[in-house]
């Protein structure tokens, strides 16, 4: 019997849904207080996950949920980058 590898699940901070890590985008605050999109999902720092969904990203931007999760002020450019990524990914589904 071949053991199926466990798919790492993470929770979207907006929808509170558990999803496979690949379906989420990780946003990280490192120890210098910089916030950035972590495409590899492996960078050090406090991470928060968002669904790859424009509506979710816009909701996160309006609700300050990332600010609370990362204990810092998230720069609007981070949300712009997220929107660009999701807009670029939407046709790959």
Protein backbone atom coordinates (compact mmCIF):
# COMPACT_ATOMS: atom_id res chain seq x y z
CA UNK A 1 0.00 0.00 0.00
CA UNK A 2 1.43 3.33 -1.05
CA UNK A 3 0.95 6.02 1.53
CA UNK A 4 -0.56 9.15 0.06
CA UNK A 5 1.40 12.25 0.98
CA UNK A 6 -0.49 14.58 3.23
CA UNK A 7 -1.28 17.84 1.49
CA UNK A 8 -0.38 20.78 3.73
CA UNK A 9 -3.49 22.76 4.54
CA UNK A 10 -3.54 26.41 5.54
CA UNK A 11 -6.34 28.73 6.54
CA UNK A 12 -7.32 31.80 4.55
CA UNK A 13 -7.39 34.71 7.01
CA UNK A 14 -10.41 36.26 5.27
CA UNK A 15 -12.72 33.30 4.63
CA UNK A 16 -11.37 31.06 7.43
CA UNK A 17 -11.48 28.12 5.02
CA UNK A 18 -8.85 25.42 5.16
CA UNK A 19 -7.35 24.92 1.71
CA UNK A 20 -4.29 23.24 0.23
CA UNK A 21 -1.30 25.55 0.55
CA UNK A 22 -0.96 25.73 -3.25
CA UNK A 23 -4.36 27.44 -3.53
CA UNK A 24 -3.34 30.23 -1.18
CA UNK A 25 -0.94 33.15 -1.35
CA UNK A 26 1.37 33.74 1.60
CA UNK A 27 2.08 37.25 2.82
CA UNK A 28 5.02 37.60 5.20
CA UNK A 29 6.26 40.17 7.68
CA UNK A 30 9.95 39.62 8.38
CA UNK A 31 11.77 40.67 11.54
CA UNK A 32 12.64 44.04 9.97
CA UNK A 33 8.92 44.75 9.65
CA UNK A 34 8.85 44.49 5.86
CA UNK A 35 5.69 42.98 4.42
CA UNK A 36 5.84 41.21 1.09
CA UNK A 37 4.22 38.48 -0.99
CA UNK A 38 6.04 35.18 -0.52
CA UNK A 39 5.54 33.19 -3.71
CA UNK A 40 7.77 30.33 -2.55
CA UNK A 41 5.89 29.99 0.76
CA UNK A 42 9.18 29.35 2.54
CA UNK A 43 10.53 32.70 3.66
CA UNK A 44 11.10 33.35 7.34
CA UNK A 45 8.72 35.58 9.21
CA UNK A 46 5.12 35.87 10.34
CA UNK A 47 2.94 34.56 7.55
CA UNK A 48 -0.72 34.98 6.69
CA UNK A 49 -2.53 33.20 3.88
CA UNK A 50 -5.12 34.55 1.45
CA UNK A 51 -7.20 32.70 -1.13
CA UNK A 52 -6.25 33.39 -4.74
CA UNK A 53 -9.47 35.29 -5.25
CA UNK A 54 -9.81 38.96 -6.12
CA UNK A 55 -12.87 39.40 -3.90
CA UNK A 56 -10.98 37.93 -0.93
CA UNK A 57 -7.99 40.21 -1.52
CA UNK A 58 -10.22 43.28 -1.78
CA UNK A 59 -12.00 42.26 1.41
CA UNK A 60 -8.64 41.83 3.16
CA UNK A 61 -7.61 45.30 2.00
CA UNK A 62 -10.80 46.91 3.33
CA UNK A 63 -10.98 44.98 6.60
CA UNK A 64 -7.38 45.36 7.85
CA UNK A 65 -7.32 41.62 8.55
CA UNK A 66 -3.69 41.37 7.40
CA UNK A 67 -2.69 44.27 9.63
CA UNK A 68 -4.11 42.36 12.59
CA UNK A 69 -2.53 39.04 11.61
CA UNK A 70 0.88 40.49 10.90
CA UNK A 71 0.74 43.16 13.64
CA UNK A 72 1.83 45.87 11.25
CA UNK A 73 0.55 48.32 8.65
CA UNK A 74 0.40 46.53 5.29
CA UNK A 75 1.42 48.78 2.42
CA UNK A 76 -1.16 49.23 -0.38
CA UNK A 77 1.50 48.10 -2.87
CA UNK A 78 1.30 44.61 -1.33
CA UNK A 79 -2.41 44.47 -2.20
CA UNK A 80 -1.65 45.75 -5.69
CA UNK A 81 0.87 42.95 -6.17
CA UNK A 82 -1.66 40.39 -4.90
CA UNK A 83 -4.33 41.67 -7.29
CA UNK A 84 -1.88 41.50 -10.20
CA UNK A 85 -0.98 37.90 -9.28
CA UNK A 86 -4.62 36.84 -9.04
CA UNK A 87 -5.59 38.62 -12.23
CA UNK A 88 -2.71 36.86 -13.99
CA UNK A 89 -3.67 33.48 -12.51
CA UNK A 90 -7.39 33.58 -13.20
CA UNK A 91 -7.06 32.31 -16.78
CA UNK A 92 -4.96 29.31 -15.71
CA UNK A 93 -7.83 27.51 -13.94
